[in-house]
């Protein structure tokens, strides 16, 4: 699977959030710092809940927003279809799941498969799921980190785009999990900004489990 060759126009990105939106802010800052050179622009921000800081960040940036709450739909499948339709309305080239805490389903992946970027606070395939930092600490690893990957129909099982390493120190105990998680987030934000920019500027292709950044045929 490959993205089309990049055009002169910046890639259109829809960002999905569920909370504070720090990854969204990192993307906004990178684009603001070099609007022409970054290669992408955010065209909308979606969420699965109201009243979150991530939506406030989007509104301050003058971006359109939409909310699709699971509880407003009779089934999870109907919610997934509604989320896909709301996202498709902005004609995105790429979707970034920036702390979006819902698993997308068949309808969303049918529309955007191979174009949904997610982050995870562990070095996949180790420690997938909602408690990657806690699970890594409990296992006694000496290094952990973060992964930027494409989303597929599993839980944190999609092809890996980039990874960053964070050392685990003696001070990193289960009680101090938050401190380690914050160090991981610092690396994660930089890694996500770099990966999204490269995909937007250079395109990508997916061969099996391998992600290649750059134009097809290069």
Protein backbone atom coordinates (compact mmCIF):
# COMPACT_ATOMS: atom_id res chain seq x y z
CA UNK A 1 0.00 0.00 0.00
CA UNK A 2 1.36 3.41 -0.91
CA UNK A 3 0.41 7.03 -0.63
CA UNK A 4 0.19 9.10 -3.80
CA UNK A 5 3.22 11.22 -4.68
CA UNK A 6 3.11 14.47 -2.70
CA UNK A 7 1.79 17.50 -4.59
CA UNK A 8 2.71 21.14 -4.23
CA UNK A 9 -0.23 21.63 -1.87
CA UNK A 10 0.32 20.73 1.80
CA UNK A 11 -1.10 17.37 2.90
CA UNK A 12 -4.49 17.69 4.60
CA UNK A 13 -4.53 16.26 8.13
CA UNK A 14 -7.43 15.51 10.47
CA UNK A 15 -6.32 15.04 14.08
CA UNK A 16 -8.37 12.97 16.54
CA UNK A 17 -8.09 13.70 20.27
CA UNK A 18 -9.61 12.56 23.55
CA UNK A 19 -7.84 14.68 26.16
CA UNK A 20 -5.34 17.47 26.62
CA UNK A 21 -4.10 17.47 23.02
CA UNK A 22 -0.39 17.92 23.67
CA UNK A 23 0.48 15.96 20.52
CA UNK A 24 -1.97 18.16 18.59
CA UNK A 25 -0.20 21.22 19.98
CA UNK A 26 3.20 19.85 18.95
CA UNK A 27 1.92 19.48 15.39
CA UNK A 28 0.39 22.95 15.40
CA UNK A 29 3.65 24.45 16.66
CA UNK A 30 5.71 22.64 14.00
CA UNK A 31 3.40 23.82 11.23
CA UNK A 32 3.35 27.39 12.55
CA UNK A 33 7.15 27.42 12.73
CA UNK A 34 7.53 26.47 9.05
CA UNK A 35 4.19 26.58 7.21
CA UNK A 36 5.71 26.11 3.76
CA UNK A 37 8.42 23.63 4.68
CA UNK A 38 6.54 21.24 6.96
CA UNK A 39 4.40 19.96 4.12
CA UNK A 40 1.09 19.56 5.91
CA UNK A 41 -1.75 21.52 7.42
CA UNK A 42 -4.40 20.50 9.92
CA UNK A 43 -7.86 20.96 8.41
CA UNK A 44 -10.00 19.74 11.34
CA UNK A 45 -9.85 18.21 14.80
CA UNK A 46 -12.27 15.50 15.91
CA UNK A 47 -12.99 14.08 19.35
CA UNK A 48 -15.00 11.40 21.10
CA UNK A 49 -16.06 13.68 23.96
CA UNK A 50 -16.98 17.29 24.67
CA UNK A 51 -15.26 19.79 26.93
CA UNK A 52 -11.66 18.67 26.52
CA UNK A 53 -8.54 20.80 26.30
CA UNK A 54 -7.66 19.31 22.92
CA UNK A 55 -10.77 20.89 21.39
CA UNK A 56 -9.95 24.20 23.06
CA UNK A 57 -6.50 24.12 21.45
CA UNK A 58 -8.12 23.52 18.06
CA UNK A 59 -10.59 26.37 18.52
CA UNK A 60 -7.81 28.78 19.57
CA UNK A 61 -6.00 27.83 16.36
CA UNK A 62 -9.12 28.65 14.33
CA UNK A 63 -9.69 25.05 13.26
CA UNK A 64 -13.09 23.44 12.70
CA UNK A 65 -13.96 20.70 15.19
CA UNK A 66 -16.41 17.83 15.43
CA UNK A 67 -17.43 15.47 18.23
CA UNK A 68 -18.79 11.97 17.83
CA UNK A 69 -19.58 10.38 21.20
CA UNK A 70 -20.02 6.61 21.38
CA UNK A 71 -22.99 6.93 23.72
CA UNK A 72 -24.94 8.87 21.11
CA UNK A 73 -25.20 5.83 18.83
CA UNK A 74 -27.08 2.57 19.21
CA UNK A 75 -24.04 0.44 18.33
CA UNK A 76 -20.30 0.83 18.16
CA UNK A 77 -20.53 0.16 14.41
CA UNK A 78 -22.90 3.11 13.93
CA UNK A 79 -20.50 5.33 15.87
CA UNK A 80 -17.59 4.15 13.71
CA UNK A 81 -19.52 4.93 10.54
CA UNK A 82 -20.40 8.39 11.87
CA UNK A 83 -16.79 9.09 12.81
CA UNK A 84 -15.65 7.99 9.36
CA UNK A 85 -18.22 10.23 7.65
CA UNK A 86 -17.34 13.26 9.78
CA UNK A 87 -13.64 12.75 9.07
CA UNK A 88 -14.17 12.17 5.35
CA UNK A 89 -16.00 15.50 5.05
CA UNK A 90 -12.62 17.24 5.37
CA UNK A 91 -11.01 15.14 2.61
CA UNK A 92 -7.87 14.27 4.61
CA UNK A 93 -4.72 12.79 3.15
CA UNK A 94 -3.68 11.60 6.60
CA UNK A 95 -5.39 11.07 9.96
CA UNK A 96 -3.40 11.43 13.18
CA UNK A 97 -4.73 9.73 16.31
CA UNK A 98 -3.22 12.07 18.92
CA UNK A 99 -4.21 10.54 22.23
CA UNK A 100 -7.53 9.34 20.78
CA UNK A 101 -8.71 6.72 23.25
CA UNK A 102 -11.16 4.82 21.07
CA UNK A 103 -10.41 1.93 18.72
CA UNK A 104 -11.68 2.64 15.22
CA UNK A 105 -13.57 -0.08 13.39
CA UNK A 106 -14.15 -1.56 9.96
CA UNK A 107 -15.87 1.44 8.37
CA UNK A 108 -13.15 3.85 9.42
CA UNK A 109 -10.35 1.54 8.28
CA UNK A 110 -12.13 0.84 5.00
CA UNK A 111 -12.08 4.57 4.30
CA UNK A 112 -8.64 5.42 5.65
CA UNK A 113 -6.62 2.21 6.02
CA UNK A 114 -2.88 2.82 5.65
CA UNK A 115 -3.34 6.53 6.38
CA UNK A 116 -4.09 6.56 10.13
CA UNK A 117 -1.07 7.34 12.32
CA UNK A 118 -1.07 6.51 16.03
CA UNK A 119 1.40 6.69 18.91
CA UNK A 120 1.98 4.21 21.73
CA UNK A 121 4.09 4.70 24.91
CA UNK A 122 6.16 1.53 24.56
CA UNK A 123 8.45 -0.16 22.07
CA UNK A 124 6.01 -2.28 20.10
CA UNK A 125 5.39 -5.14 19.68
CA UNK A 126 6.16 -5.27 23.42
CA UNK A 127 3.54 -3.99 25.86
CA UNK A 128 0.58 -3.11 23.63
CA UNK A 129 -2.71 -1.91 25.06
CA UNK A 130 -3.81 0.79 27.46
CA UNK A 131 -1.10 0.26 30.10
CA UNK A 132 2.13 0.18 28.09
CA UNK A 133 4.16 2.21 30.60
CA UNK A 134 2.92 0.27 33.63
CA UNK A 135 3.41 -3.09 31.94
CA UNK A 136 6.97 -2.23 30.89
CA UNK A 137 7.86 -1.17 34.43
CA UNK A 138 6.32 -4.32 35.90
CA UNK A 139 8.36 -6.46 33.52
CA UNK A 140 11.58 -4.83 34.67
CA UNK A 141 12.83 -3.50 31.33
CA UNK A 142 15.93 -1.31 31.28
CA UNK A 143 14.78 0.71 28.28
CA UNK A 144 11.33 1.55 27.01
CA UNK A 145 10.12 4.29 24.71
CA UNK A 146 7.44 5.10 22.18
CA UNK A 147 6.27 3.94 18.79
CA UNK A 148 4.63 5.79 15.91
CA UNK A 149 2.72 3.32 13.77
CA UNK A 150 -0.07 2.97 11.27
CA UNK A 151 -3.38 1.69 12.60
CA UNK A 152 -4.76 -1.67 11.49
CA UNK A 153 -7.61 -3.82 12.85
CA UNK A 154 -5.63 -5.01 15.88
CA UNK A 155 -4.65 -3.29 19.12
CA UNK A 156 -1.29 -1.55 18.53
CA UNK A 157 -0.38 -4.11 15.87
CA UNK A 158 -0.01 -1.90 12.78
CA UNK A 159 3.20 -1.39 10.78
CA UNK A 160 5.82 0.63 12.64
CA UNK A 161 6.87 4.02 11.24
CA UNK A 162 9.38 5.15 13.89
CA UNK A 163 10.49 4.42 17.44
CA UNK A 164 12.26 6.37 20.18
CA UNK A 165 14.08 4.96 23.21
CA UNK A 166 13.81 6.15 26.82
CA UNK A 167 16.04 4.79 29.59
CA UNK A 168 14.40 3.35 32.69
CA UNK A 169 16.21 4.48 35.86
CA UNK A 170 16.27 3.13 39.41
CA UNK A 171 13.91 5.96 40.36
CA UNK A 172 11.26 4.69 37.95
CA UNK A 173 9.02 2.65 40.23
CA UNK A 174 5.37 1.68 39.77
CA UNK A 175 4.50 4.49 42.16
CA UNK A 176 6.45 6.92 39.99
CA UNK A 177 5.01 5.74 36.68
CA UNK A 178 3.84 9.25 35.79
CA UNK A 179 7.39 10.63 35.69
CA UNK A 180 8.52 7.97 33.23
CA UNK A 181 5.39 8.46 31.16
CA UNK A 182 6.12 12.19 30.91
CA UNK A 183 9.67 11.52 29.66
CA UNK A 184 8.20 9.16 27.07
CA UNK A 185 5.67 11.80 25.99
CA UNK A 186 8.47 14.32 25.38
CA UNK A 187 10.15 11.90 22.96
CA UNK A 188 6.79 10.89 21.49
CA UNK A 189 5.84 14.44 20.52
CA UNK A 190 9.10 15.01 18.66
CA UNK A 191 8.90 11.61 16.95
CA UNK A 192 5.31 12.17 15.83
CA UNK A 193 6.05 15.61 14.42
CA UNK A 194 9.01 14.25 12.47
CA UNK A 195 7.16 11.19 11.17
CA UNK A 196 4.04 13.08 10.06
CA UNK A 197 6.16 15.72 8.33
CA UNK A 198 8.17 13.14 6.44
CA UNK A 199 5.05 11.26 5.33
CA UNK A 200 3.46 14.52 4.18
CA UNK A 201 6.54 15.74 2.30
CA UNK A 202 7.89 12.49 0.90
CA UNK A 203 4.98 10.03 0.79
CA UNK A 204 5.16 6.46 2.05
CA UNK A 205 4.55 2.87 1.11
CA UNK A 206 3.76 -0.17 3.23
CA UNK A 207 5.17 -3.55 2.20
CA UNK A 208 4.02 -6.25 4.58
CA UNK A 209 5.05 -4.97 7.98
CA UNK A 210 7.65 -2.53 6.69
CA UNK A 211 7.00 1.17 6.22
CA UNK A 212 9.16 3.00 3.69
CA UNK A 213 9.16 6.78 3.66
CA UNK A 214 9.80 8.34 0.27
CA UNK A 215 8.31 8.22 -3.19
CA UNK A 216 7.42 4.85 -4.68
CA UNK A 217 10.16 3.74 -7.02
CA UNK A 218 12.90 5.76 -5.35
